[in-house]
Amino acid sequence: MEDRRAEKSCEQACESLKRQDYEMALKHCTEALLSLGQYSMADCTGPCPLEIESIKIESLLYRIASFLQLKNYGQADEDCRHVLGEGLAKGDGAFQAVLCCMQLKGKLQPVSSILAKSLTGESLNGMVTKDLTRLKTLLTETEWKNQWASARL
């Protein structure tokens, strides 16, 4: 039941981002992450760990976009390092699979466009720019891979 609440919060966060309600998106993402924090992987009988990880990544990406729009660059950078560090460190392809799924559902575009706008329109310090640029590159690669795969079909 908890996973449905977290998933619902992610959906609401995405809609808030699309409507430009960044404070609401941030609230929904935080609720989703808190809800997921109640899970122990040992007693995971409902959703599989991949579903939980997917919701967590999605929530963090929406939080990053919300923080950027609210000009809270320090918190955006912290979430960015968190999502990149955990996502890429595993090396099992789950992180890229979540990004591909988000792209196919049209959920990656708001995050990607906010990242692009922040990187070109704001004067950010070097470390924040480095992390956000890495994330933006990863999202762009995901978009291109999906477009290329769709074109081949």
N, C-alpha and C. Protein backbone atom coordinates (compact mmCIF):
# COMPACT_ATOMS: atom_id res chain seq x y z
N MET A 1 0.82 -1.19 0.00
CA MET A 1 0.00 0.00 0.00
C MET A 1 0.87 1.26 0.00
N GLU A 2 1.97 1.21 0.72
CA GLU A 2 2.86 2.37 0.80
C GLU A 2 3.40 2.74 -0.58
N ASP A 3 3.70 1.73 -1.42
CA ASP A 3 4.27 2.01 -2.72
C ASP A 3 3.27 2.76 -3.60
N ARG A 4 2.00 2.49 -3.46
CA ARG A 4 0.98 3.18 -4.25
C ARG A 4 0.93 4.66 -3.86
N ARG A 5 1.08 4.92 -2.57
CA ARG A 5 1.08 6.30 -2.11
C ARG A 5 2.30 7.04 -2.68
N ALA A 6 3.45 6.38 -2.66
CA ALA A 6 4.66 6.98 -3.21
C ALA A 6 4.53 7.19 -4.71
N GLU A 7 3.99 6.19 -5.40
CA GLU A 7 3.80 6.30 -6.84
C GLU A 7 2.82 7.42 -7.18
N LYS A 8 1.75 7.53 -6.42
CA LYS A 8 0.76 8.60 -6.61
C LYS A 8 1.41 9.97 -6.39
N SER A 9 2.26 10.07 -5.37
CA SER A 9 2.96 11.33 -5.11
C SER A 9 3.86 11.70 -6.28
N CYS A 10 4.50 10.71 -6.89
CA CYS A 10 5.35 10.97 -8.07
C CYS A 10 4.51 11.50 -9.23
N GLU A 11 3.38 10.89 -9.45
CA GLU A 11 2.49 11.34 -10.51
C GLU A 11 2.05 12.78 -10.27
N GLN A 12 1.70 13.09 -9.03
CA GLN A 12 1.29 14.45 -8.70
C GLN A 12 2.45 15.42 -8.86
N ALA A 13 3.65 14.99 -8.53
CA ALA A 13 4.83 15.84 -8.68
C ALA A 13 5.07 16.17 -10.15
N CYS A 14 4.94 15.16 -10.99
CA CYS A 14 5.12 15.38 -12.44
C CYS A 14 4.10 16.38 -12.97
N GLU A 15 2.87 16.22 -12.56
CA GLU A 15 1.82 17.14 -12.99
C GLU A 15 2.09 18.56 -12.48
N SER A 16 2.57 18.65 -11.24
CA SER A 16 2.90 19.97 -10.68
C SER A 16 4.03 20.62 -11.46
N LEU A 17 5.03 19.82 -11.84
CA LEU A 17 6.12 20.37 -12.65
C LEU A 17 5.60 20.89 -13.99
N LYS A 18 4.71 20.13 -14.58
CA LYS A 18 4.14 20.54 -15.87
C LYS A 18 3.32 21.82 -15.73
N ARG A 19 2.67 21.98 -14.56
CA ARG A 19 1.86 23.19 -14.32
C ARG A 19 2.69 24.31 -13.72
N GLN A 20 3.94 24.05 -13.45
CA GLN A 20 4.87 25.01 -12.85
C GLN A 20 4.54 25.32 -11.39
N ASP A 21 4.02 24.34 -10.69
CA ASP A 21 3.77 24.45 -9.25
C ASP A 21 4.93 23.78 -8.52
N TYR A 22 6.07 24.47 -8.50
CA TYR A 22 7.30 23.85 -8.03
C TYR A 22 7.29 23.52 -6.55
N GLU A 23 6.66 24.35 -5.75
CA GLU A 23 6.58 24.06 -4.31
C GLU A 23 5.73 22.80 -4.07
N MET A 24 4.66 22.66 -4.83
CA MET A 24 3.83 21.45 -4.70
C MET A 24 4.58 20.22 -5.18
N ALA A 25 5.30 20.34 -6.29
CA ALA A 25 6.09 19.21 -6.79
C ALA A 25 7.10 18.77 -5.75
N LEU A 26 7.74 19.73 -5.12
CA LEU A 26 8.71 19.44 -4.08
C LEU A 26 8.05 18.71 -2.91
N LYS A 27 6.88 19.16 -2.52
CA LYS A 27 6.14 18.53 -1.42
C LYS A 27 5.78 17.09 -1.77
N HIS A 28 5.27 16.86 -2.98
CA HIS A 28 4.88 15.51 -3.38
C HIS A 28 6.09 14.58 -3.45
N CYS A 29 7.21 15.09 -3.96
CA CYS A 29 8.42 14.27 -4.04
C CYS A 29 8.92 13.89 -2.66
N THR A 30 8.91 14.84 -1.77
CA THR A 30 9.37 14.58 -0.41
C THR A 30 8.47 13.56 0.27
N GLU A 31 7.16 13.67 0.05
CA GLU A 31 6.22 12.68 0.60
C GLU A 31 6.51 11.28 0.06
N ALA A 32 6.79 11.20 -1.23
CA ALA A 32 7.09 9.90 -1.83
C ALA A 32 8.36 9.31 -1.22
N LEU A 33 9.39 10.13 -1.06
CA LEU A 33 10.64 9.64 -0.50
C LEU A 33 10.48 9.22 0.96
N LEU A 34 9.70 9.98 1.72
CA LEU A 34 9.44 9.61 3.11
C LEU A 34 8.66 8.31 3.19
N SER A 35 7.70 8.15 2.30
CA SER A 35 6.91 6.92 2.26
C SER A 35 7.80 5.72 1.94
N LEU A 36 8.71 5.90 0.98
CA LEU A 36 9.62 4.81 0.61
C LEU A 36 10.61 4.51 1.73
N GLY A 37 10.93 5.51 2.52
CA GLY A 37 11.86 5.33 3.62
C GLY A 37 11.35 4.39 4.69
N GLN A 38 10.06 4.14 4.70
CA GLN A 38 9.47 3.24 5.67
C GLN A 38 9.70 1.78 5.31
N TYR A 39 10.14 1.54 4.06
CA TYR A 39 10.34 0.17 3.61
C TYR A 39 11.67 -0.38 4.08
N SER A 40 11.68 -1.64 4.41
CA SER A 40 12.90 -2.38 4.61
C SER A 40 12.96 -3.39 3.48
N MET A 41 14.06 -3.46 2.79
CA MET A 41 14.17 -4.37 1.66
C MET A 41 13.98 -5.83 2.10
N ALA A 42 14.26 -6.11 3.36
CA ALA A 42 14.11 -7.48 3.87
C ALA A 42 12.65 -7.91 3.89
N ASP A 43 11.75 -7.00 4.30
CA ASP A 43 10.34 -7.38 4.34
C ASP A 43 9.57 -6.76 3.18
N CYS A 44 10.15 -6.84 2.04
CA CYS A 44 9.55 -6.29 0.82
C CYS A 44 8.69 -7.36 0.17
N THR A 45 7.42 -7.41 0.56
CA THR A 45 6.51 -8.42 0.02
C THR A 45 5.68 -7.86 -1.13
N GLY A 46 5.44 -6.56 -1.11
CA GLY A 46 4.62 -5.94 -2.15
C GLY A 46 5.44 -5.65 -3.39
N PRO A 47 5.82 -4.41 -3.56
CA PRO A 47 6.55 -4.05 -4.76
C PRO A 47 7.97 -4.59 -4.73
N CYS A 48 8.47 -4.92 -5.89
CA CYS A 48 9.84 -5.42 -5.94
C CYS A 48 10.81 -4.25 -5.73
N PRO A 49 12.03 -4.55 -5.33
CA PRO A 49 13.00 -3.49 -5.08
C PRO A 49 13.21 -2.56 -6.29
N LEU A 50 13.08 -3.09 -7.50
CA LEU A 50 13.25 -2.26 -8.69
C LEU A 50 12.16 -1.20 -8.78
N GLU A 51 10.93 -1.54 -8.41
CA GLU A 51 9.84 -0.56 -8.40
C GLU A 51 10.12 0.54 -7.39
N ILE A 52 10.58 0.15 -6.22
CA ILE A 52 10.89 1.12 -5.18
C ILE A 52 12.02 2.03 -5.65
N GLU A 53 13.05 1.44 -6.23
CA GLU A 53 14.18 2.22 -6.74
C GLU A 53 13.73 3.17 -7.85
N SER A 54 12.83 2.72 -8.69
CA SER A 54 12.30 3.54 -9.77
C SER A 54 11.58 4.77 -9.23
N ILE A 55 10.73 4.56 -8.24
CA ILE A 55 9.99 5.67 -7.64
C ILE A 55 10.95 6.63 -6.95
N LYS A 56 11.97 6.09 -6.31
CA LYS A 56 12.96 6.92 -5.62
C LYS A 56 13.71 7.80 -6.62
N ILE A 57 14.18 7.23 -7.71
CA ILE A 57 14.90 7.99 -8.73
C ILE A 57 14.01 9.06 -9.34
N GLU A 58 12.79 8.68 -9.67
CA GLU A 58 11.84 9.63 -10.25
C GLU A 58 11.58 10.79 -9.29
N SER A 59 11.39 10.48 -8.03
CA SER A 59 11.15 11.53 -7.03
C SER A 59 12.35 12.46 -6.92
N LEU A 60 13.54 11.90 -6.89
CA LEU A 60 14.74 12.74 -6.79
C LEU A 60 14.91 13.64 -8.01
N LEU A 61 14.63 13.11 -9.19
CA LEU A 61 14.74 13.93 -10.40
C LEU A 61 13.75 15.09 -10.38
N TYR A 62 12.53 14.82 -9.93
CA TYR A 62 11.54 15.90 -9.83
C TYR A 62 11.93 16.91 -8.77
N ARG A 63 12.52 16.42 -7.66
CA ARG A 63 12.99 17.34 -6.62
C ARG A 63 14.10 18.24 -7.16
N ILE A 64 15.01 17.66 -7.92
CA ILE A 64 16.10 18.45 -8.51
C ILE A 64 15.52 19.57 -9.37
N ALA A 65 14.58 19.21 -10.23
CA ALA A 65 13.96 20.21 -11.11
C ALA A 65 13.24 21.28 -10.29
N SER A 66 12.54 20.87 -9.25
CA SER A 66 11.82 21.82 -8.41
C SER A 66 12.78 22.75 -7.68
N PHE A 67 13.83 22.19 -7.10
CA PHE A 67 14.82 23.02 -6.40
C PHE A 67 15.47 24.02 -7.36
N LEU A 68 15.76 23.59 -8.58
CA LEU A 68 16.35 24.50 -9.54
C LEU A 68 15.42 25.67 -9.85
N GLN A 69 14.15 25.37 -10.04
CA GLN A 69 13.19 26.43 -10.33
C GLN A 69 12.99 27.37 -9.14
N LEU A 70 13.15 26.83 -7.94
CA LEU A 70 13.02 27.64 -6.73
C LEU A 70 14.36 28.30 -6.36
N LYS A 71 15.37 28.10 -7.22
CA LYS A 71 16.72 28.66 -7.06
C LYS A 71 17.40 28.21 -5.77
N ASN A 72 17.10 26.99 -5.34
CA ASN A 72 17.76 26.37 -4.20
C ASN A 72 18.81 25.42 -4.78
N TYR A 73 19.91 26.00 -5.26
CA TYR A 73 20.92 25.25 -6.00
C TYR A 73 21.69 24.27 -5.12
N GLY A 74 21.90 24.61 -3.87
CA GLY A 74 22.61 23.71 -2.97
C GLY A 74 21.87 22.40 -2.78
N GLN A 75 20.57 22.48 -2.55
CA GLN A 75 19.78 21.26 -2.35
C GLN A 75 19.64 20.49 -3.66
N ALA A 76 19.51 21.21 -4.78
CA ALA A 76 19.45 20.54 -6.08
C ALA A 76 20.73 19.77 -6.33
N ASP A 77 21.86 20.38 -6.00
CA ASP A 77 23.15 19.72 -6.19
C ASP A 77 23.29 18.49 -5.30
N GLU A 78 22.82 18.61 -4.06
CA GLU A 78 22.89 17.47 -3.14
C GLU A 78 22.06 16.29 -3.67
N ASP A 79 20.84 16.57 -4.12
CA ASP A 79 20.01 15.50 -4.70
C ASP A 79 20.63 14.95 -5.97
N CYS A 80 21.24 15.84 -6.75
CA CYS A 80 21.88 15.42 -8.00
C CYS A 80 23.03 14.45 -7.71
N ARG A 81 23.88 14.79 -6.77
CA ARG A 81 24.99 13.90 -6.40
C ARG A 81 24.44 12.58 -5.88
N HIS A 82 23.36 12.65 -5.12
CA HIS A 82 22.76 11.44 -4.55
C HIS A 82 22.24 10.52 -5.65
N VAL A 83 21.48 11.08 -6.57
CA VAL A 83 20.88 10.24 -7.62
C VAL A 83 21.96 9.72 -8.57
N LEU A 84 22.94 10.53 -8.91
CA LEU A 84 24.02 10.07 -9.79
C LEU A 84 24.90 9.05 -9.08
N GLY A 85 25.25 9.35 -7.84
CA GLY A 85 26.12 8.44 -7.09
C GLY A 85 25.52 7.06 -6.92
N GLU A 86 24.29 7.02 -6.46
CA GLU A 86 23.63 5.74 -6.25
C GLU A 86 23.29 5.05 -7.57
N GLY A 87 22.80 5.84 -8.51
CA GLY A 87 22.35 5.26 -9.78
C GLY A 87 23.47 4.67 -10.61
N LEU A 88 24.56 5.40 -10.72
CA LEU A 88 25.66 4.94 -11.57
C LEU A 88 26.58 3.96 -10.85
N ALA A 89 26.64 4.03 -9.53
CA ALA A 89 27.55 3.17 -8.78
C ALA A 89 27.15 1.70 -8.87
N LYS A 90 25.87 1.44 -8.96
CA LYS A 90 25.41 0.05 -9.00
C LYS A 90 25.86 -0.65 -10.27
N GLY A 91 25.86 0.07 -11.38
CA GLY A 91 26.33 -0.50 -12.63
C GLY A 91 25.51 -1.64 -13.18
N ASP A 92 24.29 -1.82 -12.70
CA ASP A 92 23.46 -2.93 -13.17
C ASP A 92 22.48 -2.53 -14.26
N GLY A 93 22.53 -1.28 -14.67
CA GLY A 93 21.64 -0.81 -15.74
C GLY A 93 20.26 -0.40 -15.27
N ALA A 94 19.97 -0.56 -13.98
CA ALA A 94 18.64 -0.23 -13.46
C ALA A 94 18.38 1.28 -13.58
N PHE A 95 19.38 2.09 -13.30
CA PHE A 95 19.23 3.53 -13.37
C PHE A 95 18.88 3.96 -14.80
N GLN A 96 19.61 3.44 -15.77
CA GLN A 96 19.34 3.76 -17.16
C GLN A 96 17.96 3.24 -17.58
N ALA A 97 17.56 2.09 -17.07
CA ALA A 97 16.24 1.54 -17.39
C ALA A 97 15.13 2.44 -16.86
N VAL A 98 15.31 2.97 -15.65
CA VAL A 98 14.32 3.90 -15.08
C VAL A 98 14.23 5.15 -15.95
N LEU A 99 15.38 5.69 -16.36
CA LEU A 99 15.38 6.88 -17.22
C LEU A 99 14.69 6.61 -18.56
N CYS A 100 14.96 5.45 -19.13
CA CYS A 100 14.30 5.09 -20.40
C CYS A 100 12.79 4.99 -20.23
N CYS A 101 12.36 4.38 -19.15
CA CYS A 101 10.93 4.24 -18.87
C CYS A 101 10.29 5.62 -18.69
N MET A 102 10.96 6.49 -17.95
CA MET A 102 10.44 7.84 -17.76
C MET A 102 10.35 8.57 -19.09
N GLN A 103 11.36 8.38 -19.94
CA GLN A 103 11.36 9.02 -21.25
C GLN A 103 10.18 8.54 -22.09
N LEU A 104 9.96 7.24 -22.10
CA LEU A 104 8.86 6.68 -22.89
C LEU A 104 7.50 7.17 -22.42
N LYS A 105 7.38 7.43 -21.11
CA LYS A 105 6.12 7.91 -20.55
C LYS A 105 6.00 9.44 -20.63
N GLY A 106 7.03 10.11 -21.15
CA GLY A 106 6.99 11.56 -21.27
C GLY A 106 7.26 12.30 -19.97
N LYS A 107 7.82 11.60 -19.00
CA LYS A 107 8.06 12.21 -17.69
C LYS A 107 9.45 12.83 -17.57
N LEU A 108 10.32 12.55 -18.51
CA LEU A 108 11.69 13.05 -18.42
C LEU A 108 11.82 14.45 -19.01
N GLN A 109 10.95 14.80 -19.93
CA GLN A 109 11.04 16.09 -20.62
C GLN A 109 11.00 17.30 -19.69
N PRO A 110 10.08 17.36 -18.71
CA PRO A 110 10.10 18.54 -17.83
C PRO A 110 11.42 18.68 -17.06
N VAL A 111 11.95 17.58 -16.58
CA VAL A 111 13.21 17.62 -15.84
C VAL A 111 14.34 18.07 -16.76
N SER A 112 14.39 17.48 -17.93
CA SER A 112 15.44 17.79 -18.89
C SER A 112 15.43 19.25 -19.32
N SER A 113 14.26 19.78 -19.59
CA SER A 113 14.18 21.18 -20.03
C SER A 113 14.53 22.15 -18.90
N ILE A 114 14.15 21.83 -17.67
CA ILE A 114 14.51 22.68 -16.52
C ILE A 114 16.01 22.64 -16.30
N LEU A 115 16.61 21.47 -16.43
CA LEU A 115 18.06 21.35 -16.29
C LEU A 115 18.76 22.20 -17.36
N ALA A 116 18.32 22.07 -18.60
CA ALA A 116 18.94 22.82 -19.70
C ALA A 116 18.83 24.32 -19.46
N LYS A 117 17.65 24.76 -19.05
CA LYS A 117 17.43 26.19 -18.80
C LYS A 117 18.32 26.70 -17.66
N SER A 118 18.45 25.90 -16.62
CA SER A 118 19.28 26.31 -15.48
C SER A 118 20.75 26.38 -15.85
N LEU A 119 21.19 25.44 -16.68
CA LEU A 119 22.60 25.41 -17.06
C LEU A 119 22.97 26.56 -18.01
N THR A 120 22.00 27.04 -18.78
CA THR A 120 22.31 28.12 -19.72
C THR A 120 21.93 29.49 -19.19
N GLY A 121 20.97 29.55 -18.29
CA GLY A 121 20.46 30.84 -17.87
C GLY A 121 20.94 31.36 -16.53
N GLU A 122 21.52 30.50 -15.72
CA GLU A 122 21.91 30.91 -14.37
C GLU A 122 23.42 30.86 -14.22
N SER A 123 23.95 31.69 -13.36
CA SER A 123 25.38 31.59 -13.05
C SER A 123 25.51 30.73 -11.80
N LEU A 124 25.94 29.50 -12.02
CA LEU A 124 26.06 28.52 -10.95
C LEU A 124 27.54 28.31 -10.64
N ASN A 125 27.83 27.88 -9.42
CA ASN A 125 29.23 27.61 -9.11
C ASN A 125 29.69 26.34 -9.82
N GLY A 126 30.99 26.13 -9.87
CA GLY A 126 31.57 25.03 -10.64
C GLY A 126 31.11 23.65 -10.27
N MET A 127 31.03 23.35 -8.97
CA MET A 127 30.62 22.00 -8.57
C MET A 127 29.17 21.72 -8.91
N VAL A 128 28.31 22.70 -8.69
CA VAL A 128 26.90 22.52 -9.04
C VAL A 128 26.77 22.30 -10.54
N THR A 129 27.48 23.12 -11.32
CA THR A 129 27.43 23.00 -12.77
C THR A 129 27.93 21.64 -13.23
N LYS A 130 29.00 21.15 -12.60
CA LYS A 130 29.56 19.84 -12.98
C LYS A 130 28.54 18.73 -12.79
N ASP A 131 27.92 18.68 -11.62
CA ASP A 131 26.94 17.62 -11.33
C ASP A 131 25.71 17.73 -12.23
N LEU A 132 25.19 18.93 -12.38
CA LEU A 132 24.01 19.12 -13.20
C LEU A 132 24.30 18.82 -14.67
N THR A 133 25.50 19.16 -15.12
CA THR A 133 25.88 18.87 -16.50
C THR A 133 25.97 17.36 -16.72
N ARG A 134 26.53 16.64 -15.75
CA ARG A 134 26.58 15.17 -15.85
C ARG A 134 25.18 14.59 -15.96
N LEU A 135 24.27 15.09 -15.13
CA LEU A 135 22.90 14.60 -15.15
C LEU A 135 22.22 14.95 -16.47
N LYS A 136 22.40 16.18 -16.93
CA LYS A 136 21.79 16.61 -18.20
C LYS A 136 22.32 15.76 -19.36
N THR A 137 23.62 15.47 -19.36
CA THR A 137 24.21 14.63 -20.40
C THR A 137 23.58 13.24 -20.39
N LEU A 138 23.41 12.70 -19.21
CA LEU A 138 22.79 11.37 -19.08
C LEU A 138 21.35 11.38 -19.59
N LEU A 139 20.59 12.42 -19.26
CA LEU A 139 19.21 12.51 -19.73
C LEU A 139 19.16 12.67 -21.25
N THR A 140 20.07 13.48 -21.80
CA THR A 140 20.12 13.67 -23.25
C THR A 140 20.47 12.37 -23.96
N GLU A 141 21.44 11.63 -23.41
CA GLU A 141 21.79 10.33 -23.99
C GLU A 141 20.59 9.39 -23.98
N THR A 142 19.84 9.39 -22.90
CA THR A 142 18.65 8.54 -22.79
C THR A 142 17.63 8.93 -23.85
N GLU A 143 17.41 10.23 -24.03
CA GLU A 143 16.46 10.71 -25.03
C GLU A 143 16.89 10.27 -26.43
N TRP A 144 18.18 10.42 -26.72
CA TRP A 144 18.69 10.03 -28.05
C TRP A 144 18.58 8.53 -28.27
N LYS A 145 18.91 7.74 -27.27
CA LYS A 145 18.82 6.28 -27.41
C LYS A 145 17.39 5.86 -27.69
N ASN A 146 16.44 6.44 -26.99
CA ASN A 146 15.04 6.09 -27.20
C ASN A 146 14.56 6.54 -28.56
N GLN A 147 14.98 7.72 -29.01
CA GLN A 147 14.58 8.19 -30.33
C GLN A 147 15.20 7.30 -31.41
N TRP A 148 16.43 6.91 -31.23
CA TRP A 148 17.11 6.07 -32.20
C TRP A 148 16.45 4.70 -32.25
N ALA A 149 16.12 4.15 -31.08
CA ALA A 149 15.46 2.84 -31.03
C ALA A 149 14.07 2.90 -31.67
N SER A 150 13.34 4.00 -31.44
CA SER A 150 12.02 4.16 -32.05
C SER A 150 12.12 4.28 -33.57
N ALA A 151 13.13 4.96 -34.04
CA ALA A 151 13.32 5.16 -35.48
C ALA A 151 13.65 3.84 -36.18
N ARG A 152 14.30 2.95 -35.48
CA ARG A 152 14.68 1.66 -36.06
C ARG A 152 13.49 0.72 -36.18
N LEU A 153 12.45 0.96 -35.37
CA LEU A 153 11.27 0.08 -35.40
C LEU A 153 10.43 0.45 -36.54
